[in-house]
Amino acid sequence: MLKKMLLMMALGFSGSLLAAPIADSHTEMSGCEACHKDGSPSADYAFENEQCASCHGDMKSLEGEAHKKHDGVLSCTDCHTAHEEKDPAAGCKDCH
């Protein structure tokens, strides 16, 4: 019973981390420059996606089948938004 309860708590907590704005945790590290060149977003988000990979690794090296299946097809910012809460899977229905 305790194991089930701990598992449910862990799953609920991890889901809330995914939904939390990414910018909140990243700006604590080194301000807007943690993700944005000169602190401002790029027009095509190419720089931001490079920053994701420089810290977290490329899509092939990340956990989860969603990352591996979409390597070379999607960019980090296609699913993960930095300044608003969003379910990373929300855009899946656009293609699936």
PDB file of N, CA and C in Angstrom:
ATOM      1  N   MET A   1       0.823  -1.187   0.000  1.00  0.00           N
ATOM      2  CA  MET A   1       0.000   0.000   0.000  1.00  0.00           C
ATOM      3  C   MET A   1       0.875   1.261   0.000  1.00  0.00           C
ATOM      4  N   LEU A   2       1.908   1.257   0.818  1.00  0.00           N
ATOM      5  CA  LEU A   2       2.800   2.412   0.901  1.00  0.00           C
ATOM      6  C   LEU A   2       3.529   2.635  -0.425  1.00  0.00           C
ATOM      7  N   LYS A   3       3.942   1.531  -1.068  1.00  0.00           N
ATOM      8  CA  LYS A   3       4.629   1.653  -2.354  1.00  0.00           C
ATOM      9  C   LYS A   3       3.721   2.293  -3.400  1.00  0.00           C
ATOM     10  N   LYS A   4       2.458   1.879  -3.424  1.00  0.00           N
ATOM     11  CA  LYS A   4       1.505   2.446  -4.384  1.00  0.00           C
ATOM     12  C   LYS A   4       1.310   3.934  -4.132  1.00  0.00           C
ATOM     13  N   MET A   5       1.200   4.292  -2.858  1.00  0.00           N
ATOM     14  CA  MET A   5       0.993   5.690  -2.503  1.00  0.00           C
ATOM     15  C   MET A   5       2.212   6.531  -2.899  1.00  0.00           C
ATOM     16  N   LEU A   6       3.408   6.033  -2.642  1.00  0.00           N
ATOM     17  CA  LEU A   6       4.624   6.751  -3.017  1.00  0.00           C
ATOM     18  C   LEU A   6       4.746   6.880  -4.531  1.00  0.00           C
ATOM     19  N   LEU A   7       4.388   5.827  -5.247  1.00  0.00           N
ATOM     20  CA  LEU A   7       4.433   5.873  -6.704  1.00  0.00           C
ATOM     21  C   LEU A   7       3.463   6.921  -7.241  1.00  0.00           C
ATOM     22  N   MET A   8       2.265   6.958  -6.716  1.00  0.00           N
ATOM     23  CA  MET A   8       1.275   7.940  -7.162  1.00  0.00           C
ATOM     24  C   MET A   8       1.747   9.362  -6.867  1.00  0.00           C
ATOM     25  N   MET A   9       2.352   9.568  -5.714  1.00  0.00           N
ATOM     26  CA  MET A   9       2.867  10.894  -5.371  1.00  0.00           C
ATOM     27  C   MET A   9       3.993  11.285  -6.325  1.00  0.00           C
ATOM     28  N   ALA A  10       4.885  10.350  -6.620  1.00  0.00           N
ATOM     29  CA  ALA A  10       6.010  10.636  -7.514  1.00  0.00           C
ATOM     30  C   ALA A  10       5.521  10.960  -8.918  1.00  0.00           C
ATOM     31  N   LEU A  11       4.554  10.202  -9.410  1.00  0.00           N
ATOM     32  CA  LEU A  11       4.016  10.467 -10.745  1.00  0.00           C
ATOM     33  C   LEU A  11       3.313  11.810 -10.800  1.00  0.00           C
ATOM     34  N   GLY A  12       2.566  12.131  -9.779  1.00  0.00           N
ATOM     35  CA  GLY A  12       1.888  13.427  -9.737  1.00  0.00           C
ATOM     36  C   GLY A  12       2.872  14.573  -9.673  1.00  0.00           C
ATOM     37  N   PHE A  13       3.925  14.404  -8.898  1.00  0.00           N
ATOM     38  CA  PHE A  13       4.937  15.457  -8.774  1.00  0.00           C
ATOM     39  C   PHE A  13       5.686  15.647 -10.078  1.00  0.00           C
ATOM     40  N   SER A  14       6.066  14.542 -10.742  1.00  0.00           N
ATOM     41  CA  SER A  14       6.814  14.665 -11.994  1.00  0.00           C
ATOM     42  C   SER A  14       5.961  15.314 -13.066  1.00  0.00           C
ATOM     43  N   GLY A  15       4.666  15.045 -13.090  1.00  0.00           N
ATOM     44  CA  GLY A  15       3.781  15.693 -14.050  1.00  0.00           C
ATOM     45  C   GLY A  15       3.689  17.176 -13.823  1.00  0.00           C
ATOM     46  N   SER A  16       3.682  17.593 -12.564  1.00  0.00           N
ATOM     47  CA  SER A  16       3.623  19.028 -12.287  1.00  0.00           C
ATOM     48  C   SER A  16       4.918  19.715 -12.683  1.00  0.00           C
ATOM     49  N   LEU A  17       6.036  18.999 -12.613  1.00  0.00           N
ATOM     50  CA  LEU A  17       7.299  19.578 -13.067  1.00  0.00           C
ATOM     51  C   LEU A  17       7.291  19.798 -14.570  1.00  0.00           C
ATOM     52  N   LEU A  18       6.698  18.867 -15.311  1.00  0.00           N
ATOM     53  CA  LEU A  18       6.631  19.021 -16.760  1.00  0.00           C
ATOM     54  C   LEU A  18       5.751  20.195 -17.150  1.00  0.00           C
ATOM     55  N   ALA A  19       4.716  20.448 -16.365  1.00  0.00           N
ATOM     56  CA  ALA A  19       3.782  21.512 -16.701  1.00  0.00           C
ATOM     57  C   ALA A  19       4.286  22.883 -16.268  1.00  0.00           C
ATOM     58  N   ALA A  20       5.202  22.922 -15.324  1.00  0.00           N
ATOM     59  CA  ALA A  20       5.701  24.205 -14.822  1.00  0.00           C
ATOM     60  C   ALA A  20       6.494  24.924 -15.907  1.00  0.00           C
ATOM     61  N   PRO A  21       6.409  26.243 -15.929  1.00  0.00           N
ATOM     62  CA  PRO A  21       7.186  26.986 -16.930  1.00  0.00           C
ATOM     63  C   PRO A  21       8.683  26.708 -16.792  1.00  0.00           C
ATOM     64  N   ILE A  22       9.314  26.382 -17.893  1.00  0.00           N
ATOM     65  CA  ILE A  22      10.739  26.056 -17.912  1.00  0.00           C
ATOM     66  C   ILE A  22      11.575  27.261 -17.505  1.00  0.00           C
ATOM     67  N   ALA A  23      11.144  28.439 -17.890  1.00  0.00           N
ATOM     68  CA  ALA A  23      11.916  29.659 -17.619  1.00  0.00           C
ATOM     69  C   ALA A  23      12.142  29.872 -16.128  1.00  0.00           C
ATOM     70  N   ASP A  24      11.192  29.455 -15.297  1.00  0.00           N
ATOM     71  CA  ASP A  24      11.334  29.665 -13.858  1.00  0.00           C
ATOM     72  C   ASP A  24      12.610  29.024 -13.326  1.00  0.00           C
ATOM     73  N   SER A  25      12.878  27.791 -13.719  1.00  0.00           N
ATOM     74  CA  SER A  25      14.069  27.110 -13.205  1.00  0.00           C
ATOM     75  C   SER A  25      15.333  27.523 -13.949  1.00  0.00           C
ATOM     76  N   HIS A  26      15.225  27.825 -15.221  1.00  0.00           N
ATOM     77  CA  HIS A  26      16.408  28.163 -16.006  1.00  0.00           C
ATOM     78  C   HIS A  26      16.929  29.572 -15.721  1.00  0.00           C
ATOM     79  N   THR A  27      16.058  30.516 -15.445  1.00  0.00           N
ATOM     80  CA  THR A  27      16.526  31.876 -15.148  1.00  0.00           C
ATOM     81  C   THR A  27      17.256  31.923 -13.818  1.00  0.00           C
ATOM     82  N   GLU A  28      16.941  30.996 -12.919  1.00  0.00           N
ATOM     83  CA  GLU A  28      17.654  30.934 -11.643  1.00  0.00           C
ATOM     84  C   GLU A  28      19.124  30.585 -11.863  1.00  0.00           C
ATOM     85  N   MET A  29      19.425  29.876 -12.942  1.00  0.00           N
ATOM     86  CA  MET A  29      20.808  29.465 -13.215  1.00  0.00           C
ATOM     87  C   MET A  29      21.652  30.636 -13.697  1.00  0.00           C
ATOM     88  N   SER A  30      21.208  31.297 -14.746  1.00  0.00           N
ATOM     89  CA  SER A  30      22.013  32.406 -15.274  1.00  0.00           C
ATOM     90  C   SER A  30      21.174  33.412 -16.049  1.00  0.00           C
ATOM     91  N   GLY A  31      19.998  33.683 -15.545  1.00  0.00           N
ATOM     92  CA  GLY A  31      19.158  34.698 -16.161  1.00  0.00           C
ATOM     93  C   GLY A  31      18.661  34.279 -17.534  1.00  0.00           C
ATOM     94  N   CYS A  32      18.171  35.240 -18.267  1.00  0.00           N
ATOM     95  CA  CYS A  32      17.609  34.979 -19.596  1.00  0.00           C
ATOM     96  C   CYS A  32      18.653  34.408 -20.547  1.00  0.00           C
ATOM     97  N   GLU A  33      19.930  34.740 -20.299  1.00  0.00           N
ATOM     98  CA  GLU A  33      21.011  34.264 -21.147  1.00  0.00           C
ATOM     99  C   GLU A  33      21.214  32.757 -21.049  1.00  0.00           C
ATOM    100  N   ALA A  34      20.596  32.108 -20.070  1.00  0.00           N
ATOM    101  CA  ALA A  34      20.676  30.648 -19.990  1.00  0.00           C
ATOM    102  C   ALA A  34      20.078  30.015 -21.245  1.00  0.00           C
ATOM    103  N   CYS A  35      19.123  30.693 -21.845  1.00  0.00           N
ATOM    104  CA  CYS A  35      18.458  30.158 -23.038  1.00  0.00           C
ATOM    105  C   CYS A  35      18.529  31.075 -24.248  1.00  0.00           C
ATOM    106  N   HIS A  36      18.574  32.383 -24.008  1.00  0.00           N
ATOM    107  CA  HIS A  36      18.486  33.353 -25.105  1.00  0.00           C
ATOM    108  C   HIS A  36      19.803  34.092 -25.317  1.00  0.00           C
ATOM    109  N   LYS A  37      20.215  34.222 -26.578  1.00  0.00           N
ATOM    110  CA  LYS A  37      21.407  34.995 -26.911  1.00  0.00           C
ATOM    111  C   LYS A  37      21.127  36.453 -26.585  1.00  0.00           C
ATOM    112  N   ASP A  38      21.989  37.077 -25.827  1.00  0.00           N
ATOM    113  CA  ASP A  38      21.833  38.467 -25.393  1.00  0.00           C
ATOM    114  C   ASP A  38      20.537  38.696 -24.615  1.00  0.00           C
ATOM    115  N   GLY A  39      19.944  37.632 -24.080  1.00  0.00           N
ATOM    116  CA  GLY A  39      18.755  37.750 -23.254  1.00  0.00           C
ATOM    117  C   GLY A  39      17.455  37.927 -23.998  1.00  0.00           C
ATOM    118  N   SER A  40      17.482  37.895 -25.322  1.00  0.00           N
ATOM    119  CA  SER A  40      16.264  38.074 -26.119  1.00  0.00           C
ATOM    120  C   SER A  40      16.025  36.852 -26.998  1.00  0.00           C
ATOM    121  N   PRO A  41      14.764  36.464 -27.172  1.00  0.00           N
ATOM    122  CA  PRO A  41      14.461  35.301 -28.015  1.00  0.00           C
ATOM    123  C   PRO A  41      14.864  35.530 -29.472  1.00  0.00           C
ATOM    124  N   SER A  42      15.332  34.478 -30.119  1.00  0.00           N
ATOM    125  CA  SER A  42      15.642  34.559 -31.548  1.00  0.00           C
ATOM    126  C   SER A  42      14.351  34.355 -32.339  1.00  0.00           C
ATOM    127  N   ALA A  43      14.342  34.803 -33.561  1.00  0.00           N
ATOM    128  CA  ALA A  43      13.136  34.717 -34.390  1.00  0.00           C
ATOM    129  C   ALA A  43      12.754  33.272 -34.704  1.00  0.00           C
ATOM    130  N   ASP A  44      13.744  32.413 -34.902  1.00  0.00           N
ATOM    131  CA  ASP A  44      13.457  31.026 -35.284  1.00  0.00           C
ATOM    132  C   ASP A  44      13.707  30.015 -34.160  1.00  0.00           C
ATOM    133  N   TYR A  45      14.098  30.468 -33.011  1.00  0.00           N
ATOM    134  CA  TYR A  45      14.385  29.639 -31.832  1.00  0.00           C
ATOM    135  C   TYR A  45      15.535  28.655 -32.049  1.00  0.00           C
ATOM    136  N   ALA A  46      16.318  28.831 -33.092  1.00  0.00           N
ATOM    137  CA  ALA A  46      17.450  27.930 -33.341  1.00  0.00           C
ATOM    138  C   ALA A  46      18.457  28.002 -32.198  1.00  0.00           C
ATOM    139  N   PHE A  47      18.768  29.212 -31.734  1.00  0.00           N
ATOM    140  CA  PHE A  47      19.723  29.363 -30.637  1.00  0.00           C
ATOM    141  C   PHE A  47      19.191  28.684 -29.378  1.00  0.00           C
ATOM    142  N   GLU A  48      17.914  28.884 -29.080  1.00  0.00           N
ATOM    143  CA  GLU A  48      17.313  28.293 -27.884  1.00  0.00           C
ATOM    144  C   GLU A  48      17.364  26.767 -27.943  1.00  0.00           C
ATOM    145  N   ASN A  49      17.082  26.193 -29.106  1.00  0.00           N
ATOM    146  CA  ASN A  49      17.146  24.740 -29.254  1.00  0.00           C
ATOM    147  C   ASN A  49      18.567  24.222 -29.091  1.00  0.00           C
ATOM    148  N   GLU A  50      19.552  24.975 -29.565  1.00  0.00           N
ATOM    149  CA  GLU A  50      20.953  24.600 -29.359  1.00  0.00           C
ATOM    150  C   GLU A  50      21.295  24.629 -27.873  1.00  0.00           C
ATOM    151  N   GLN A  51      20.771  25.612 -27.154  1.00  0.00           N
ATOM    152  CA  GLN A  51      21.014  25.702 -25.716  1.00  0.00           C
ATOM    153  C   GLN A  51      20.419  24.501 -24.993  1.00  0.00           C
ATOM    154  N   CYS A  52      19.226  24.079 -25.400  1.00  0.00           N
ATOM    155  CA  CYS A  52      18.613  22.888 -24.797  1.00  0.00           C
ATOM    156  C   CYS A  52      19.552  21.693 -24.944  1.00  0.00           C
ATOM    157  N   ALA A  53      20.022  21.464 -26.173  1.00  0.00           N
ATOM    158  CA  ALA A  53      20.884  20.312 -26.455  1.00  0.00           C
ATOM    159  C   ALA A  53      22.224  20.416 -25.739  1.00  0.00           C
ATOM    160  N   SER A  54      22.735  21.632 -25.567  1.00  0.00           N
ATOM    161  CA  SER A  54      24.036  21.770 -24.911  1.00  0.00           C
ATOM    162  C   SER A  54      23.980  21.356 -23.444  1.00  0.00           C
ATOM    163  N   CYS A  55      22.841  21.494 -22.814  1.00  0.00           N
ATOM    164  CA  CYS A  55      22.702  21.091 -21.404  1.00  0.00           C
ATOM    165  C   CYS A  55      22.090  19.699 -21.242  1.00  0.00           C
ATOM    166  N   HIS A  56      21.090  19.402 -22.044  1.00  0.00           N
ATOM    167  CA  HIS A  56      20.315  18.175 -21.852  1.00  0.00           C
ATOM    168  C   HIS A  56      20.704  17.046 -22.795  1.00  0.00           C
ATOM    169  N   GLY A  57      21.486  17.334 -23.828  1.00  0.00           N
ATOM    170  CA  GLY A  57      21.845  16.330 -24.822  1.00  0.00           C
ATOM    171  C   GLY A  57      20.891  16.383 -26.002  1.00  0.00           C
ATOM    172  N   ASP A  58      21.252  15.650 -27.058  1.00  0.00           N
ATOM    173  CA  ASP A  58      20.385  15.650 -28.235  1.00  0.00           C
ATOM    174  C   ASP A  58      19.186  14.737 -28.005  1.00  0.00           C
ATOM    175  N   MET A  59      18.241  14.780 -28.919  1.00  0.00           N
ATOM    176  CA  MET A  59      16.991  14.033 -28.750  1.00  0.00           C
ATOM    177  C   MET A  59      17.234  12.533 -28.613  1.00  0.00           C
ATOM    178  N   LYS A  60      18.211  11.991 -29.341  1.00  0.00           N
ATOM    179  CA  LYS A  60      18.491  10.552 -29.279  1.00  0.00           C
ATOM    180  C   LYS A  60      18.944  10.119 -27.893  1.00  0.00           C
ATOM    181  N   SER A  61      19.586  11.019 -27.156  1.00  0.00           N
ATOM    182  CA  SER A  61      20.144  10.647 -25.858  1.00  0.00           C
ATOM    183  C   SER A  61      19.176  10.872 -24.700  1.00  0.00           C
ATOM    184  N   LEU A  62      18.033  11.496 -24.960  1.00  0.00           N
ATOM    185  CA  LEU A  62      17.069  11.773 -23.897  1.00  0.00           C
ATOM    186  C   LEU A  62      16.193  10.561 -23.618  1.00  0.00           C
ATOM    187  N   GLU A  63      15.685  10.486 -22.401  1.00  0.00           N
ATOM    188  CA  GLU A  63      14.790   9.401 -22.025  1.00  0.00           C
ATOM    189  C   GLU A  63      13.450   9.570 -22.719  1.00  0.00           C
ATOM    190  N   GLY A  64      12.770   8.469 -22.888  1.00  0.00           N
ATOM    191  CA  GLY A  64      11.423   8.506 -23.438  1.00  0.00           C
ATOM    192  C   GLY A  64      11.401   8.290 -24.940  1.00  0.00           C
ATOM    193  N   GLU A  65      10.473   7.485 -25.373  1.00  0.00           N
ATOM    194  CA  GLU A  65      10.342   7.177 -26.791  1.00  0.00           C
ATOM    195  C   GLU A  65       9.962   8.398 -27.621  1.00  0.00           C
ATOM    196  N   ALA A  66       9.227   9.324 -27.042  1.00  0.00           N
ATOM    197  CA  ALA A  66       8.796  10.508 -27.799  1.00  0.00           C
ATOM    198  C   ALA A  66       9.994  11.282 -28.325  1.00  0.00           C
ATOM    199  N   HIS A  67      11.051  11.385 -27.534  1.00  0.00           N
ATOM    200  CA  HIS A  67      12.242  12.099 -27.987  1.00  0.00           C
ATOM    201  C   HIS A  67      12.927  11.354 -29.134  1.00  0.00           C
ATOM    202  N   LYS A  68      13.107  10.049 -28.965  1.00  0.00           N
ATOM    203  CA  LYS A  68      13.808   9.258 -29.981  1.00  0.00           C
ATOM    204  C   LYS A  68      13.042   9.233 -31.306  1.00  0.00           C
ATOM    205  N   LYS A  69      11.731   9.074 -31.238  1.00  0.00           N
ATOM    206  CA  LYS A  69      10.915   8.979 -32.448  1.00  0.00           C
ATOM    207  C   LYS A  69      10.883  10.286 -33.229  1.00  0.00           C
ATOM    208  N   HIS A  70      11.067  11.395 -32.548  1.00  0.00           N
ATOM    209  CA  HIS A  70      10.949  12.697 -33.207  1.00  0.00           C
ATOM    210  C   HIS A  70      12.292  13.373 -33.471  1.00  0.00           C
ATOM    211  N   ASP A  71      13.390  12.653 -33.245  1.00  0.00           N
ATOM    212  CA  ASP A  71      14.715  13.206 -33.503  1.00  0.00           C
ATOM    213  C   ASP A  71      14.837  13.562 -34.982  1.00  0.00           C
ATOM    214  N   GLY A  72      15.208  14.777 -35.269  1.00  0.00           N
ATOM    215  CA  GLY A  72      15.333  15.233 -36.642  1.00  0.00           C
ATOM    216  C   GLY A  72      14.032  15.716 -37.252  1.00  0.00           C
ATOM    217  N   VAL A  73      12.925  15.515 -36.540  1.00  0.00           N
ATOM    218  CA  VAL A  73      11.611  15.919 -37.035  1.00  0.00           C
ATOM    219  C   VAL A  73      11.118  17.157 -36.293  1.00  0.00           C
ATOM    220  N   LEU A  74      11.275  17.132 -34.977  1.00  0.00           N
ATOM    221  CA  LEU A  74      10.829  18.242 -34.137  1.00  0.00           C
ATOM    222  C   LEU A  74      12.010  18.842 -33.393  1.00  0.00           C
ATOM    223  N   SER A  75      11.840  20.057 -32.945  1.00  0.00           N
ATOM    224  CA  SER A  75      12.819  20.729 -32.082  1.00  0.00           C
ATOM    225  C   SER A  75      12.254  20.798 -30.675  1.00  0.00           C
ATOM    226  N   CYS A  76      13.099  21.052 -29.715  1.00  0.00           N
ATOM    227  CA  CYS A  76      12.672  21.138 -28.312  1.00  0.00           C
ATOM    228  C   CYS A  76      11.498  22.100 -28.142  1.00  0.00           C
ATOM    229  N   THR A  77      11.612  23.262 -28.774  1.00  0.00           N
ATOM    230  CA  THR A  77      10.598  24.304 -28.590  1.00  0.00           C
ATOM    231  C   THR A  77       9.286  23.993 -29.295  1.00  0.00           C
ATOM    232  N   ASP A  78       9.233  22.934 -30.101  1.00  0.00           N
ATOM    233  CA  ASP A  78       7.960  22.523 -30.687  1.00  0.00           C
ATOM    234  C   ASP A  78       7.027  21.966 -29.619  1.00  0.00           C
ATOM    235  N   CYS A  79       7.587  21.355 -28.592  1.00  0.00           N
ATOM    236  CA  CYS A  79       6.779  20.743 -27.529  1.00  0.00           C
ATOM    237  C   CYS A  79       6.900  21.463 -26.189  1.00  0.00           C
ATOM    238  N   HIS A  80       8.072  21.998 -25.906  1.00  0.00           N
ATOM    239  CA  HIS A  80       8.330  22.620 -24.612  1.00  0.00           C
ATOM    240  C   HIS A  80       8.353  24.137 -24.755  1.00  0.00           C
ATOM    241  N   THR A  81       7.463  24.802 -24.030  1.00  0.00           N
ATOM    242  CA  THR A  81       7.460  26.265 -24.030  1.00  0.00           C
ATOM    243  C   THR A  81       8.038  26.750 -22.716  1.00  0.00           C
ATOM    244  N   ALA A  82       8.737  27.844 -22.762  1.00  0.00           N
ATOM    245  CA  ALA A  82       9.486  28.283 -21.590  1.00  0.00           C
ATOM    246  C   ALA A  82       8.716  29.196 -20.650  1.00  0.00           C
ATOM    247  N   HIS A  83       7.849  30.004 -21.156  1.00  0.00           N
ATOM    248  CA  HIS A  83       7.268  31.052 -20.325  1.00  0.00           C
ATOM    249  C   HIS A  83       5.805  30.849 -19.962  1.00  0.00           C
ATOM    250  N   GLU A  84       5.236  29.716 -20.300  1.00  0.00           N
ATOM    251  CA  GLU A  84       3.854  29.439 -19.934  1.00  0.00           C
ATOM    252  C   GLU A  84       3.714  27.958 -19.623  1.00  0.00           C
ATOM    253  N   GLU A  85       2.729  27.621 -18.799  1.00  0.00           N
ATOM    254  CA  GLU A  85       2.494  26.222 -18.496  1.00  0.00           C
ATOM    255  C   GLU A  85       1.857  25.566 -19.707  1.00  0.00           C
ATOM    256  N   LYS A  86       2.370  24.400 -20.076  1.00  0.00           N
ATOM    257  CA  LYS A  86       1.845  23.694 -21.235  1.00  0.00           C
ATOM    258  C   LYS A  86       2.170  22.225 -21.104  1.00  0.00           C
ATOM    259  N   ASP A  87       1.226  21.390 -21.465  1.00  0.00           N
ATOM    260  CA  ASP A  87       1.464  19.958 -21.525  1.00  0.00           C
ATOM    261  C   ASP A  87       2.290  19.692 -22.777  1.00  0.00           C
ATOM    262  N   PRO A  88       3.485  19.115 -22.648  1.00  0.00           N
ATOM    263  CA  PRO A  88       4.317  18.881 -23.831  1.00  0.00           C
ATOM    264  C   PRO A  88       3.620  18.052 -24.910  1.00  0.00           C
ATOM    265  N   ALA A  89       2.639  17.241 -24.537  1.00  0.00           N
ATOM    266  CA  ALA A  89       1.932  16.397 -25.500  1.00  0.00           C
ATOM    267  C   ALA A  89       0.762  17.118 -26.169  1.00  0.00           C
ATOM    268  N   ALA A  90       0.510  18.358 -25.805  1.00  0.00           N
ATOM    269  CA  ALA A  90      -0.663  19.071 -26.325  1.00  0.00           C
ATOM    270  C   ALA A  90      -0.655  19.200 -27.843  1.00  0.00           C
ATOM    271  N   GLY A  91       0.495  19.325 -28.449  1.00  0.00           N
ATOM    272  CA  GLY A  91       0.567  19.487 -29.894  1.00  0.00           C
ATOM    273  C   GLY A  91       0.562  18.182 -30.672  1.00  0.00           C
ATOM    274  N   CYS A  92       0.579  17.050 -29.988  1.00  0.00           N
ATOM    275  CA  CYS A  92       0.637  15.755 -30.670  1.00  0.00           C
ATOM    276  C   CYS A  92      -0.530  15.564 -31.629  1.00  0.00           C
ATOM    277  N   LYS A  93      -1.687  16.050 -31.243  1.00  0.00           N
ATOM    278  CA  LYS A  93      -2.877  15.845 -32.066  1.00  0.00           C
ATOM    279  C   LYS A  93      -2.781  16.560 -33.413  1.00  0.00           C
ATOM    280  N   ASP A  94      -1.863  17.512 -33.537  1.00  0.00           N
ATOM    281  CA  ASP A  94      -1.681  18.193 -34.816  1.00  0.00           C
ATOM    282  C   ASP A  94      -1.189  17.230 -35.903  1.00  0.00           C
ATOM    283  N   CYS A  95      -0.431  16.218 -35.519  1.00  0.00           N
ATOM    284  CA  CYS A  95       0.097  15.249 -36.488  1.00  0.00           C
ATOM    285  C   CYS A  95      -0.499  13.853 -36.322  1.00  0.00           C
ATOM    286  N   HIS A  96      -0.898  13.515 -35.107  1.00  0.00           N
ATOM    287  CA  HIS A  96      -1.373  12.145 -34.851  1.00  0.00           C
ATOM    288  C   HIS A  96      -2.874  12.105 -34.717  1.00  0.00           C
TER     289      HIS A  96
END
